[in-house]
Every structure is written in C-alpha cells, then in structure tokens.
C-alpha atoms as a PDB file:
ATOM      1  CA  MET A   1      -3.062 -14.840  -5.824  1.00  0.00           C
ATOM      2  CA  ASN A   2      -3.007 -12.829  -9.032  1.00  0.00           C
ATOM      3  CA  LEU A   3      -0.369 -10.557 -10.501  1.00  0.00           C
ATOM      4  CA  SER A   4      -1.235  -6.867 -10.399  1.00  0.00           C
ATOM      5  CA  VAL A   5       0.457  -3.517 -10.930  1.00  0.00           C
ATOM      6  CA  PHE A   6      -0.050  -0.250  -9.055  1.00  0.00           C
ATOM      7  CA  ASN A   7      -0.782   2.137 -11.925  1.00  0.00           C
ATOM      8  CA  PRO A   8       1.189   5.370 -11.138  1.00  0.00           C
ATOM      9  CA  ILE A   9       4.294   3.812 -12.701  1.00  0.00           C
ATOM     10  CA  LEU A  10       2.442   3.998 -16.030  1.00  0.00           C
ATOM     11  CA  ASN A  11       1.211   7.587 -15.732  1.00  0.00           C
ATOM     12  CA  ASP A  12       3.036   8.476 -18.965  1.00  0.00           C
ATOM     13  CA  LYS A  13       0.516   6.292 -20.839  1.00  0.00           C
ATOM     14  CA  THR A  14      -3.214   6.581 -21.347  1.00  0.00           C
ATOM     15  CA  LEU A  15      -5.313   4.023 -19.486  1.00  0.00           C
ATOM     16  CA  ASP A  16      -5.866   2.140 -22.743  1.00  0.00           C
ATOM     17  CA  GLU A  17      -2.126   2.087 -23.468  1.00  0.00           C
ATOM     18  CA  ALA A  18      -1.314   1.036 -19.894  1.00  0.00           C
ATOM     19  CA  LEU A  19      -3.778  -1.862 -19.898  1.00  0.00           C
ATOM     20  CA  ALA A  20      -2.654  -3.020 -23.336  1.00  0.00           C
ATOM     21  CA  TYR A  21       0.950  -3.057 -22.096  1.00  0.00           C
ATOM     22  CA  LEU A  22       0.146  -4.886 -18.863  1.00  0.00           C
ATOM     23  CA  SER A  23      -2.116  -7.414 -20.558  1.00  0.00           C
ATOM     24  CA  SER A  24       0.635  -8.269 -23.044  1.00  0.00           C
ATOM     25  CA  HIS A  25       2.918  -9.098 -20.097  1.00  0.00           C
ATOM     26  CA  GLY A  26       0.457 -11.425 -18.354  1.00  0.00           C
ATOM     27  CA  VAL A  27      -0.741  -9.000 -15.660  1.00  0.00           C
ATOM     28  CA  MET A  28      -4.298  -9.782 -14.562  1.00  0.00           C
ATOM     29  CA  SER A  29      -5.392  -6.755 -12.539  1.00  0.00           C
ATOM     30  CA  VAL A  30      -4.571  -3.169 -11.621  1.00  0.00           C
ATOM     31  CA  GLU A  31      -4.462  -1.335  -8.325  1.00  0.00           C
ATOM     32  CA  LEU A  32      -5.995   1.929  -9.457  1.00  0.00           C
ATOM     33  CA  GLY A  33      -4.963   5.219  -7.895  1.00  0.00           C
ATOM     34  CA  CYS A  34      -7.813   7.731  -7.938  1.00  0.00           C
ATOM     35  CA  GLY A  35      -6.793  10.441  -5.464  1.00  0.00           C
ATOM     36  CA  GLY A  36      -4.171  11.474  -2.916  1.00  0.00           C
ATOM     37  CA  PHE A  37      -0.485  10.816  -3.595  1.00  0.00           C
ATOM     38  CA  PRO A  38      -1.119   8.246  -6.400  1.00  0.00           C
ATOM     39  CA  GLY A  39      -2.767  11.002  -8.412  1.00  0.00           C
ATOM     40  CA  THR A  40      -5.690  10.890 -10.808  1.00  0.00           C
ATOM     41  CA  VAL A  41      -4.080  10.387 -14.224  1.00  0.00           C
ATOM     42  CA  HIS A  42      -6.041   7.225 -15.050  1.00  0.00           C
ATOM     43  CA  ALA A  43      -8.975   7.658 -12.692  1.00  0.00           C
ATOM     44  CA  ASP A  44     -10.268  10.702 -10.823  1.00  0.00           C
ATOM     45  CA  ALA A  45     -12.797   9.536  -8.230  1.00  0.00           C
ATOM     46  CA  LYS A  46     -14.359  12.986  -7.935  1.00  0.00           C
ATOM     47  CA  VAL A  47     -15.013  13.099 -11.676  1.00  0.00           C
ATOM     48  CA  LEU A  48     -16.067   9.480 -12.131  1.00  0.00           C
ATOM     49  CA  ILE A  49     -18.725   9.470  -9.405  1.00  0.00           C
ATOM     50  CA  ALA A  50     -20.391  12.462 -11.078  1.00  0.00           C
ATOM     51  CA  ASP A  51     -20.111  11.373 -14.716  1.00  0.00           C
ATOM     52  CA  ASP A  52     -21.665   8.033 -15.706  1.00  0.00           C
ATOM     53  CA  LYS A  53     -20.349   8.335 -19.258  1.00  0.00           C
ATOM     54  CA  LYS A  54     -16.731   8.547 -18.108  1.00  0.00           C
ATOM     55  CA  LEU A  55     -17.339   5.802 -15.558  1.00  0.00           C
ATOM     56  CA  ASN A  56     -18.681   3.497 -18.268  1.00  0.00           C
ATOM     57  CA  GLU A  57     -15.700   4.341 -20.479  1.00  0.00           C
ATOM     58  CA  LEU A  58     -13.392   3.277 -17.647  1.00  0.00           C
ATOM     59  CA  LYS A  59     -15.257  -0.010 -17.221  1.00  0.00           C
ATOM     60  CA  ALA A  60     -15.228  -0.650 -20.969  1.00  0.00           C
ATOM     61  CA  THR A  61     -11.471  -0.133 -21.162  1.00  0.00           C
ATOM     62  CA  PHE A  62     -10.870  -2.734 -18.468  1.00  0.00           C
ATOM     63  CA  ASP A  63     -13.322  -5.121 -20.152  1.00  0.00           C
ATOM     64  CA  LYS A  64     -11.526  -4.618 -23.473  1.00  0.00           C
ATOM     65  CA  TYR A  65      -8.376  -6.169 -22.023  1.00  0.00           C
ATOM     66  CA  ASN A  66     -10.162  -8.664 -19.765  1.00  0.00           C
ATOM     67  CA  MET A  67      -8.543  -7.065 -16.731  1.00  0.00           C
ATOM     68  CA  SER A  68      -9.952  -6.242 -13.312  1.00  0.00           C
ATOM     69  CA  ILE A  69      -9.421  -3.597 -10.632  1.00  0.00           C
ATOM     70  CA  CYS A  70      -8.126  -5.315  -7.498  1.00  0.00           C
ATOM     71  CA  ALA A  71      -8.257  -2.215  -5.278  1.00  0.00           C
ATOM     72  CA  LEU A  72      -8.661   1.546  -5.333  1.00  0.00           C
ATOM     73  CA  SER A  73      -5.855   3.612  -3.818  1.00  0.00           C
ATOM     74  CA  THR A  74      -5.907   7.079  -2.324  1.00  0.00           C
ATOM     75  CA  HIS A  75      -2.789   7.257  -0.144  1.00  0.00           C
ATOM     76  CA  CYS A  76      -2.993  10.474   1.875  1.00  0.00           C
ATOM     77  CA  ASN A  77      -2.922  11.948   5.396  1.00  0.00           C
ATOM     78  CA  PRO A  78      -6.497  12.472   6.630  1.00  0.00           C
ATOM     79  CA  VAL A  79      -5.354  13.549  10.107  1.00  0.00           C
ATOM     80  CA  HIS A  80      -2.801  16.103   8.934  1.00  0.00           C
ATOM     81  CA  PRO A  81      -2.643  19.051  11.372  1.00  0.00           C
ATOM     82  CA  ASN A  82      -3.109  21.503   8.498  1.00  0.00           C
ATOM     83  CA  ILE A  83      -6.886  21.442   8.174  1.00  0.00           C
ATOM     84  CA  GLU A  84      -6.840  22.172   4.430  1.00  0.00           C
ATOM     85  CA  VAL A  85      -4.566  19.199   3.777  1.00  0.00           C
ATOM     86  CA  ALA A  86      -6.641  16.971   6.040  1.00  0.00           C
ATOM     87  CA  ASN A  87      -9.917  18.012   4.441  1.00  0.00           C
ATOM     88  CA  GLN A  88      -8.594  17.312   0.944  1.00  0.00           C
ATOM     89  CA  ALA A  89      -7.424  13.875   2.070  1.00  0.00           C
ATOM     90  CA  ARG A  90     -10.799  13.125   3.640  1.00  0.00           C
ATOM     91  CA  GLU A  91     -12.620  14.261   0.518  1.00  0.00           C
ATOM     92  CA  ASP A  92     -10.385  12.030  -1.619  1.00  0.00           C
ATOM     93  CA  PHE A  93     -11.077   9.075   0.669  1.00  0.00           C
ATOM     94  CA  ASN A  94     -14.842   9.634   0.661  1.00  0.00           C
ATOM     95  CA  ASN A  95     -14.891  10.029  -3.126  1.00  0.00           C
ATOM     96  CA  THR A  96     -12.900   6.826  -3.452  1.00  0.00           C
ATOM     97  CA  CYS A  97     -15.446   5.016  -1.280  1.00  0.00           C
ATOM     98  CA  GLN A  98     -18.239   6.258  -3.533  1.00  0.00           C
ATOM     99  CA  LEU A  99     -16.340   5.143  -6.632  1.00  0.00           C
ATOM    100  CA  ALA A 100     -15.763   1.752  -5.033  1.00  0.00           C
ATOM    101  CA  SER A 101     -19.519   1.473  -4.578  1.00  0.00           C
ATOM    102  CA  LYS A 102     -20.152   2.191  -8.260  1.00  0.00           C
ATOM    103  CA  LEU A 103     -17.474  -0.274  -9.380  1.00  0.00           C
ATOM    104  CA  GLY A 104     -18.199  -3.016  -6.856  1.00  0.00           C
ATOM    105  CA  ILE A 105     -14.671  -2.777  -5.428  1.00  0.00           C
ATOM    106  CA  LYS A 106     -14.327  -3.996  -1.847  1.00  0.00           C
ATOM    107  CA  THR A 107     -10.761  -2.886  -0.970  1.00  0.00           C
ATOM    108  CA  ILE A 108      -9.342   0.610  -0.541  1.00  0.00           C
ATOM    109  CA  VAL A 109      -5.621   1.166   0.045  1.00  0.00           C
ATOM    110  CA  THR A 110      -4.363   4.206   1.949  1.00  0.00           C
ATOM    111  CA  PHE A 111      -2.229   5.443   4.868  1.00  0.00           C
ATOM    112  CA  SER A 112      -3.309   5.814   8.487  1.00  0.00           C
ATOM    113  CA  GLY A 113      -2.041   9.374   8.505  1.00  0.00           C
ATOM    114  CA  CYS A 114      -0.070  11.190  11.187  1.00  0.00           C
ATOM    115  CA  PRO A 115      -1.255  14.220  13.213  1.00  0.00           C
ATOM    116  CA  GLY A 116       0.881  16.958  14.692  1.00  0.00           C
ATOM    117  CA  ASP A 117       1.734  17.091  18.382  1.00  0.00           C
ATOM    118  CA  SER A 118      -1.020  19.574  19.330  1.00  0.00           C
ATOM    119  CA  ASP A 119      -4.025  21.444  17.967  1.00  0.00           C
ATOM    120  CA  THR A 120      -1.737  24.322  16.942  1.00  0.00           C
ATOM    121  CA  SER A 121       0.655  22.195  14.868  1.00  0.00           C
ATOM    122  CA  GLN A 122       1.115  22.753  11.158  1.00  0.00           C
ATOM    123  CA  HIS A 123       3.170  19.671  10.324  1.00  0.00           C
ATOM    124  CA  PRO A 124       2.919  15.962  11.207  1.00  0.00           C
ATOM    125  CA  ASN A 125       5.063  14.678  14.067  1.00  0.00           C
ATOM    126  CA  TRP A 126       6.107  11.026  13.738  1.00  0.00           C
ATOM    127  CA  VAL A 127       7.147   9.775  17.187  1.00  0.00           C
ATOM    128  CA  THR A 128       9.764   7.005  17.239  1.00  0.00           C
ATOM    129  CA  CYS A 129      10.695   6.771  20.921  1.00  0.00           C
ATOM    130  CA  SER A 130       8.961   6.722  24.292  1.00  0.00           C
ATOM    131  CA  TRP A 131      11.342   8.937  26.279  1.00  0.00           C
ATOM    132  CA  PRO A 132      11.518  11.757  27.287  1.00  0.00           C
ATOM    133  CA  ASP A 133       7.943  11.638  28.517  1.00  0.00           C
ATOM    134  CA  ASP A 134       6.922  14.384  26.081  1.00  0.00           C
ATOM    135  CA  PHE A 135       6.793  11.791  23.316  1.00  0.00           C
ATOM    136  CA  ALA A 136       4.456   9.491  25.227  1.00  0.00           C
ATOM    137  CA  LYS A 137       2.087  12.425  25.739  1.00  0.00           C
ATOM    138  CA  VAL A 138       2.222  13.236  22.012  1.00  0.00           C
ATOM    139  CA  LEU A 139       1.351   9.648  21.145  1.00  0.00           C
ATOM    140  CA  GLU A 140      -1.593   9.653  23.537  1.00  0.00           C
ATOM    141  CA  TYR A 141      -2.907  12.836  21.923  1.00  0.00           C
ATOM    142  CA  GLN A 142      -2.388  11.567  18.387  1.00  0.00           C
ATOM    143  CA  TRP A 143      -4.088   8.230  18.905  1.00  0.00           C
ATOM    144  CA  ASN A 144      -6.915   9.136  21.279  1.00  0.00           C
ATOM    145  CA  GLU A 145      -7.793  12.617  20.043  1.00  0.00           C
ATOM    146  CA  LYS A 146      -7.143  12.315  16.301  1.00  0.00           C
ATOM    147  CA  LEU A 147      -6.412   8.913  14.806  1.00  0.00           C
ATOM    148  CA  ILE A 148      -8.984   6.640  16.435  1.00  0.00           C
ATOM    149  CA  PRO A 149     -11.909   9.095  16.201  1.00  0.00           C
ATOM    150  CA  TYR A 150     -11.232   9.766  12.520  1.00  0.00           C
ATOM    151  CA  TRP A 151     -10.947   6.116  11.526  1.00  0.00           C
ATOM    152  CA  ARG A 152     -14.123   5.187  13.379  1.00  0.00           C
ATOM    153  CA  GLU A 153     -15.990   7.722  11.249  1.00  0.00           C
ATOM    154  CA  ALA A 154     -14.125   6.705   8.083  1.00  0.00           C
ATOM    155  CA  CYS A 155     -14.915   3.021   8.565  1.00  0.00           C
ATOM    156  CA  ASP A 156     -18.598   3.800   9.060  1.00  0.00           C
ATOM    157  CA  TYR A 157     -18.627   5.844   5.861  1.00  0.00           C
ATOM    158  CA  ALA A 158     -16.744   3.192   3.884  1.00  0.00           C
ATOM    159  CA  LYS A 159     -19.112   0.493   5.130  1.00  0.00           C
ATOM    160  CA  SER A 160     -22.107   2.549   3.980  1.00  0.00           C
ATOM    161  CA  CYS A 161     -20.570   2.480   0.490  1.00  0.00           C
ATOM    162  CA  GLY A 162     -20.155  -1.288   0.496  1.00  0.00           C
ATOM    163  CA  VAL A 163     -16.401  -1.244   1.149  1.00  0.00           C
ATOM    164  CA  GLU A 164     -15.311  -4.252   3.218  1.00  0.00           C
ATOM    165  CA  ARG A 165     -11.546  -3.801   3.571  1.00  0.00           C
ATOM    166  CA  ILE A 166      -9.427  -0.723   4.286  1.00  0.00           C
ATOM    167  CA  ALA A 167      -5.822  -1.762   3.701  1.00  0.00           C
ATOM    168  CA  LEU A 168      -3.480   0.595   5.543  1.00  0.00           C
ATOM    169  CA  GLU A 169       0.068   0.656   4.247  1.00  0.00           C
ATOM    170  CA  MET A 170       2.451   0.291   7.182  1.00  0.00           C
ATOM    171  CA  HIS A 171       4.728   3.209   6.361  1.00  0.00           C
ATOM    172  CA  PRO A 172       7.210   5.073   8.587  1.00  0.00           C
ATOM    173  CA  GLY A 173       6.196   8.688   8.973  1.00  0.00           C
ATOM    174  CA  PHE A 174       2.623   7.640   9.758  1.00  0.00           C
ATOM    175  CA  CYS A 175       1.112   6.339  12.989  1.00  0.00           C
ATOM    176  CA  VAL A 176       0.609   2.856  11.523  1.00  0.00           C
ATOM    177  CA  TYR A 177       4.085   1.759  10.441  1.00  0.00           C
ATOM    178  CA  ASN A 178       4.512  -1.842  11.693  1.00  0.00           C
ATOM    179  CA  PRO A 179       2.316  -4.844  12.634  1.00  0.00           C
ATOM    180  CA  ASP A 180       1.766  -3.782  16.244  1.00  0.00           C
ATOM    181  CA  THR A 181       0.543  -0.294  15.354  1.00  0.00           C
ATOM    182  CA  LEU A 182      -1.674  -1.771  12.623  1.00  0.00           C
ATOM    183  CA  LEU A 183      -3.307  -4.128  15.106  1.00  0.00           C
ATOM    184  CA  ARG A 184      -3.595  -1.380  17.709  1.00  0.00           C
ATOM    185  CA  LEU A 185      -5.729   0.706  15.351  1.00  0.00           C
ATOM    186  CA  ARG A 186      -7.685  -2.317  14.100  1.00  0.00           C
ATOM    187  CA  ASN A 187      -8.531  -3.381  17.661  1.00  0.00           C
ATOM    188  CA  ALA A 188      -9.553   0.136  18.630  1.00  0.00           C
ATOM    189  CA  VAL A 189     -11.711   0.789  15.563  1.00  0.00           C
ATOM    190  CA  SER A 190     -12.927  -2.105  13.414  1.00  0.00           C
ATOM    191  CA  ASN A 191     -11.835  -5.262  11.643  1.00  0.00           C
ATOM    192  CA  MET A 192     -12.507  -3.374   8.415  1.00  0.00           C
ATOM    193  CA  ILE A 193      -8.978  -2.101   8.995  1.00  0.00           C
ATOM    194  CA  GLY A 194      -6.236  -4.421   7.822  1.00  0.00           C
ATOM    195  CA  ALA A 195      -2.791  -4.228   6.278  1.00  0.00           C
ATOM    196  CA  ASN A 196      -1.513  -3.315   2.880  1.00  0.00           C
ATOM    197  CA  PHE A 197       1.592  -5.418   3.370  1.00  0.00           C
ATOM    198  CA  ASP A 198       4.525  -3.709   1.666  1.00  0.00           C
ATOM    199  CA  PRO A 199       7.760  -5.529   2.615  1.00  0.00           C
ATOM    200  CA  SER A 200       9.952  -2.628   1.485  1.00  0.00           C
ATOM    201  CA  HIS A 201       8.900  -0.436   4.405  1.00  0.00           C
ATOM    202  CA  LEU A 202       9.409  -3.209   6.921  1.00  0.00           C
ATOM    203  CA  ILE A 203      12.774  -4.507   5.712  1.00  0.00           C
ATOM    204  CA  TRP A 204      14.677  -1.332   6.560  1.00  0.00           C
ATOM    205  CA  GLN A 205      13.114  -1.292  10.020  1.00  0.00           C
ATOM    206  CA  GLY A 206      14.730  -4.680  10.682  1.00  0.00           C
ATOM    207  CA  ILE A 207      11.468  -6.634  10.364  1.00  0.00           C
ATOM    208  CA  ASN A 208      11.447 -10.087   8.780  1.00  0.00           C
ATOM    209  CA  PRO A 209       8.581  -9.926   6.250  1.00  0.00           C
ATOM    210  CA  ALA A 210       7.670 -13.621   6.450  1.00  0.00           C
ATOM    211  CA  ASP A 211       7.459 -13.495  10.249  1.00  0.00           C
ATOM    212  CA  ALA A 212       5.309 -10.356  10.058  1.00  0.00           C
ATOM    213  CA  ILE A 213       2.979 -12.045   7.556  1.00  0.00           C
ATOM    214  CA  ARG A 214       2.581 -14.992   9.920  1.00  0.00           C
ATOM    215  CA  TYR A 215       1.893 -12.593  12.806  1.00  0.00           C
ATOM    216  CA  LEU A 216      -0.779 -10.626  10.934  1.00  0.00           C
ATOM    217  CA  GLY A 217      -2.431 -13.611   9.237  1.00  0.00           C
ATOM    218  CA  ASP A 218      -5.897 -12.815   7.946  1.00  0.00           C
ATOM    219  CA  CYS A 219      -5.454  -9.130   8.778  1.00  0.00           C
ATOM    220  CA  ILE A 220      -3.598  -8.738   5.455  1.00  0.00           C
ATOM    221  CA  TYR A 221      -5.960  -7.256   2.857  1.00  0.00           C
ATOM    222  CA  HIS A 222      -3.533  -6.235   0.098  1.00  0.00           C
ATOM    223  CA  PHE A 223       0.110  -6.753  -0.862  1.00  0.00           C
ATOM    224  CA  HIS A 224       2.660  -4.470  -2.520  1.00  0.00           C
ATOM    225  CA  ALA A 225       5.556  -6.184  -4.269  1.00  0.00           C
ATOM    226  CA  LYS A 226       8.468  -3.832  -3.643  1.00  0.00           C
ATOM    227  CA  ASP A 227      11.957  -4.521  -2.336  1.00  0.00           C
ATOM    228  CA  THR A 228      14.567  -2.710  -0.239  1.00  0.00           C
ATOM    229  CA  LYS A 229      18.324  -3.103  -0.323  1.00  0.00           C
ATOM    230  CA  ILE A 230      20.224  -2.435   2.887  1.00  0.00           C
ATOM    231  CA  ASP A 231      23.699  -0.992   2.284  1.00  0.00           C
ATOM    232  CA  VAL A 232      25.657  -2.755   5.010  1.00  0.00           C
ATOM    233  CA  ARG A 233      28.566  -0.287   4.780  1.00  0.00           C
ATOM    234  CA  ASN A 234      26.441   2.792   5.386  1.00  0.00           C
ATOM    235  CA  ASN A 235      24.108   1.010   7.770  1.00  0.00           C
ATOM    236  CA  SER A 236      26.970  -0.165   9.992  1.00  0.00           C
ATOM    237  CA  VAL A 237      28.039   3.455  10.467  1.00  0.00           C
ATOM    238  CA  ASN A 238      24.763   5.422  10.583  1.00  0.00           C
ATOM    239  CA  GLY A 239      21.964   2.900  11.127  1.00  0.00           C
ATOM    240  CA  VAL A 240      18.672   2.832   9.246  1.00  0.00           C
ATOM    241  CA  LEU A 241      17.134   6.205  10.181  1.00  0.00           C
ATOM    242  CA  ASP A 242      18.220   7.965   7.009  1.00  0.00           C
ATOM    243  CA  THR A 243      16.906  11.316   5.742  1.00  0.00           C
ATOM    244  CA  LYS A 244      19.262  11.674   2.773  1.00  0.00           C
ATOM    245  CA  SER A 245      17.680  12.108  -0.633  1.00  0.00           C
ATOM    246  CA  TYR A 246      16.430   8.930  -2.282  1.00  0.00           C
ATOM    247  CA  THR A 247      18.602   9.871  -5.258  1.00  0.00           C
ATOM    248  CA  ASP A 248      21.766   9.762  -3.106  1.00  0.00           C
ATOM    249  CA  GLU A 249      21.845   5.988  -3.456  1.00  0.00           C
ATOM    250  CA  ILE A 250      25.540   5.450  -2.807  1.00  0.00           C
ATOM    251  CA  ASN A 251      25.436   7.201   0.591  1.00  0.00           C
ATOM    252  CA  ARG A 252      22.062   6.051   1.887  1.00  0.00           C
ATOM    253  CA  SER A 253      21.706   3.219   4.423  1.00  0.00           C
ATOM    254  CA  TRP A 254      18.987   1.673   2.251  1.00  0.00           C
ATOM    255  CA  VAL A 255      17.193   2.221  -1.041  1.00  0.00           C
ATOM    256  CA  PHE A 256      13.998   0.898  -2.585  1.00  0.00           C
ATOM    257  CA  ARG A 257      14.583  -1.686  -5.307  1.00  0.00           C
ATOM    258  CA  THR A 258      12.685  -3.746  -7.825  1.00  0.00           C
ATOM    259  CA  VAL A 259      11.753  -7.142  -6.382  1.00  0.00           C
ATOM    260  CA  GLY A 260      14.750  -9.460  -6.456  1.00  0.00           C
ATOM    261  CA  TYR A 261      17.304  -6.648  -6.265  1.00  0.00           C
ATOM    262  CA  GLY A 262      17.051  -6.129  -2.514  1.00  0.00           C
ATOM    263  CA  MET A 263      16.505  -9.463  -0.791  1.00  0.00           C
ATOM    264  CA  GLU A 264      17.675 -12.709  -2.333  1.00  0.00           C
ATOM    265  CA  GLU A 265      15.138 -14.791  -4.247  1.00  0.00           C
ATOM    266  CA  SER A 266      14.812 -17.325  -1.428  1.00  0.00           C
ATOM    267  CA  LYS A 267      13.413 -14.589   0.848  1.00  0.00           C
ATOM    268  CA  TRP A 268      10.773 -13.732  -1.730  1.00  0.00           C
ATOM    269  CA  ARG A 269       9.835 -17.401  -2.095  1.00  0.00           C
ATOM    270  CA  GLU A 270       9.458 -17.500   1.699  1.00  0.00           C
ATOM    271  CA  ILE A 271       7.185 -14.432   1.574  1.00  0.00           C
ATOM    272  CA  ILE A 272       4.958 -15.914  -1.133  1.00  0.00           C
ATOM    273  CA  SER A 273       4.793 -19.236   0.704  1.00  0.00           C
ATOM    274  CA  MET A 274       3.864 -17.575   3.994  1.00  0.00           C
ATOM    275  CA  LEU A 275       1.110 -15.629   2.232  1.00  0.00           C
ATOM    276  CA  ALA A 276      -0.234 -18.984   1.042  1.00  0.00           C
ATOM    277  CA  LYS A 277      -0.015 -20.395   4.567  1.00  0.00           C
ATOM    278  CA  VAL A 278      -2.199 -17.596   5.946  1.00  0.00           C
ATOM    279  CA  ASN A 279      -4.643 -18.078   3.026  1.00  0.00           C
ATOM    280  CA  TYR A 280      -3.977 -14.747   1.341  1.00  0.00           C
ATOM    281  CA  LYS A 281      -5.798 -14.945  -1.993  1.00  0.00           C
ATOM    282  CA  TYR A 282      -5.723 -11.375  -3.250  1.00  0.00           C
ATOM    283  CA  ALA A 283      -3.426  -9.378  -5.509  1.00  0.00           C
ATOM    284  CA  ILE A 284       0.354  -9.270  -5.589  1.00  0.00           C
ATOM    285  CA  SER A 285       0.577  -5.645  -6.705  1.00  0.00           C
ATOM    286  CA  ILE A 286       3.887  -4.428  -8.106  1.00  0.00           C
ATOM    287  CA  GLU A 287       4.903  -0.957  -6.957  1.00  0.00           C
ATOM    288  CA  HIS A 288       7.938   0.453  -8.744  1.00  0.00           C
ATOM    289  CA  GLU A 289      10.060   3.006  -6.868  1.00  0.00           C
ATOM    290  CA  ASP A 290      13.539   1.841  -7.922  1.00  0.00           C
ATOM    291  CA  SER A 291      15.718   4.907  -8.588  1.00  0.00           C
ATOM    292  CA  LEU A 292      18.364   2.788 -10.347  1.00  0.00           C
ATOM    293  CA  MET A 293      16.044   1.494 -13.082  1.00  0.00           C
ATOM    294  CA  THR A 294      13.662   3.073 -15.537  1.00  0.00           C
ATOM    295  CA  ALA A 295       9.986   2.344 -15.030  1.00  0.00           C
ATOM    296  CA  ASN A 296       9.891   0.086 -18.060  1.00  0.00           C
ATOM    297  CA  GLU A 297      12.921  -2.000 -17.088  1.00  0.00           C
ATOM    298  CA  GLY A 298      12.033  -2.220 -13.415  1.00  0.00           C
ATOM    299  CA  LEU A 299       8.437  -3.204 -14.073  1.00  0.00           C
ATOM    300  CA  GLU A 300       9.304  -5.871 -16.641  1.00  0.00           C
ATOM    301  CA  LYS A 301      11.962  -7.380 -14.374  1.00  0.00           C
ATOM    302  CA  ALA A 302       9.486  -7.437 -11.471  1.00  0.00           C
ATOM    303  CA  ILE A 303       6.803  -9.101 -13.594  1.00  0.00           C
ATOM    304  CA  ALA A 304       9.198 -11.801 -14.796  1.00  0.00           C
ATOM    305  CA  PHE A 305      10.556 -12.398 -11.285  1.00  0.00           C
ATOM    306  CA  LEU A 306       7.142 -12.744  -9.660  1.00  0.00           C
ATOM    307  CA  GLN A 307       5.648 -14.885 -12.407  1.00  0.00           C
ATOM    308  CA  ASN A 308       8.351 -17.405 -11.640  1.00  0.00           C
ATOM    309  CA  ILE A 309       7.719 -17.600  -7.885  1.00  0.00           C
ATOM    310  CA  MET A 310       4.014 -16.830  -7.369  1.00  0.00           C
ATOM    311  CA  ILE A 311       1.641 -19.579  -6.259  1.00  0.00           C
ATOM    312  CA  LYS A 312      -1.151 -19.125  -8.778  1.00  0.00           C
ATOM    313  CA  GLU A 313      -3.361 -22.199  -8.342  1.00  0.00           C
ATOM    314  CA  GLY A 314      -3.673 -22.211  -4.556  1.00  0.00           C
ATOM    315  CA  LYS A 315      -3.385 -25.175  -2.240  1.00  0.00           C
ATOM    316  CA  PRO A 316      -4.226 -28.660  -3.581  1.00  0.00           C
ATOM    317  CA  ASP A 317      -7.472 -30.280  -2.477  1.00  0.00           C
ATOM    318  CA  SER A 318      -5.548 -33.378  -1.420  1.00  0.00           C
ATOM    319  CA  ILE A 319      -1.950 -34.555  -1.190  1.00  0.00           C
ATOM    320  CA  SER A 320      -0.747 -37.898  -2.460  1.00  0.00           C
ATOM    321  CA  TRP A 321       2.302 -39.347  -0.741  1.00  0.00           C
ATOM    322  CA  ALA A 322       2.534 -42.392  -3.005  1.00  0.00           C
END
C-alpha cells in the first residue's frame, strides 16, 4: 500500500505547487482527475492526448518530485438519459483511456452511471426498492438495455488502450452502489470491472467496511480514504436517506468527514488490516469532502492519521514464534 491523494482538493494550486506540498508531507502518489466531475485543473485528458509537449511537461513535473500517478479519474454518468450529458461523459472516459495508454496507467476510476426509467427520460432514476412492481421493471430496463451494453463496449475500448482495471466507485445515486451491484455488473460484463472502495458511501448505508472488503476480495482495484459520521440523534428519527444540504451538518443524519472523525480509529485499523488480508497492494487515496474542515487542515490530519495506521511493508516472508 502507498499513501496517495485525490487531486481536486488541491485545485487552488498549480500541479507543481500541489506535488511539492504533497511530497513534503510524505505522500507517494496522486490519483489524477482528468475529466468528468473531478475536473481538469491539473490534467485535461483531451488536451494531453493531442499535445506531446504538455504531456511531457506533466511527466516531468511528477518526476521532479519523485511521485507517481496511481490512477486516472473521470467520475461521470455515461448512461445519463440526457444524450448530451451521456456523450460528454463517454468522451471523457475514452480520452482518459487514451491518456492512460500514453502514461502507462492501468487503473481508471469512475462511476457506473445511472439511466432514467425510459427512453424519454431526462434525468437519472435511482431505484432503491423492489415494490411496487414498476421499480423492478425500471431496474430491468436500466441494467439490460443501458448499463450492461454500455460497459461491455467501454471495457473493450479500455482494453484496447492497455487499461487493465476499471474501478467503479460504489456510490448511491448510481446503479453500482454496494458490493452486490458491483459484482452483478462485473459478472455480466468483464473482470476488468472492480471496485473503487470508498468506505464513506457504504457506512451510511449500514454496511460494515471490513466485512465488505472481505466479501469483495481481489475485486478491489482502488481505495478512497474518506470517512462518514452518523448522527445518531437525527438518524434515530429520520433514518439514513437524507436529502438535506451537505452544509446543514447539524440536521443531517450523516456527514462526510476526514478519516478518523467519523469511525473510531480501531475501525480504520480493521479496514487497513482487512485490505492486507485480501492482498490489496495499491493506493490508499485520500479524498477530502469534510465540510467542517478546510482543505488544508482536513488533508494534513488525514495524512497524519493514515501514516500511523497504514501497513507499508506488506506481509512478512516468514513468522518467527520464538
């Protein structure tokens, strides 16, 4: 495992400034957003694949600080019912695959996406229950007519670019939001599809992250270090399905937090240990979305917390009981 940071939190800095800052704090790699929701502040895949000079400048900046790119990210909704939105997402994904080819990056992080409920829809429809029967019919349409066909094509394209792992973030609001839906798509499409395991999106659903890691095993291709705090007072009254603003922290049932400010430290040690048990050897990528802390404070606290609990040297070759 190596300590990484998802770069959008540093979008107020140039790439050189961001890498200098991260390097000084012991961070070894960066998850680089290059399209979709993460934006293109530090890397625009569309530009970089067409401009070798800018691509070489990007490589030189990473070399300058002896840092690597652990994954390219282009979180988006490629099966959005609005065709313009979907086409932009697909273009971003394809450009990211081409950039991965030029950089020798094997992992792309994104969302599965979520279609509407029919060919005339304009907005995604995230189904969370199986009754009335209308919802089951919507799910059948979404998976069989939209999701599976798209990801079969996308995996073929990614493979042609040398990409080996597509790490889908299990995120409510999209068709892949928990381990079962991740495996459903993987089994229907290709083992190129795996998980970007972000505990924060699972915690508020009532999922135990360590148990989910054990369940998914070698299907985990990337890891986001982000926490969630459940407010037991609000949760006991209204449950976890909460559409209040993320800035209404005191009234929400849960909020995203910097690692260590949601679950207790022992839970994070259990997560890291379970990752080791399933032989996860990739990045531990910090994603900061804590509305109670500035980017600088939240990131530095997360770095310090994880440096203290990460397993950096891997399993020993042998164990001595003497």
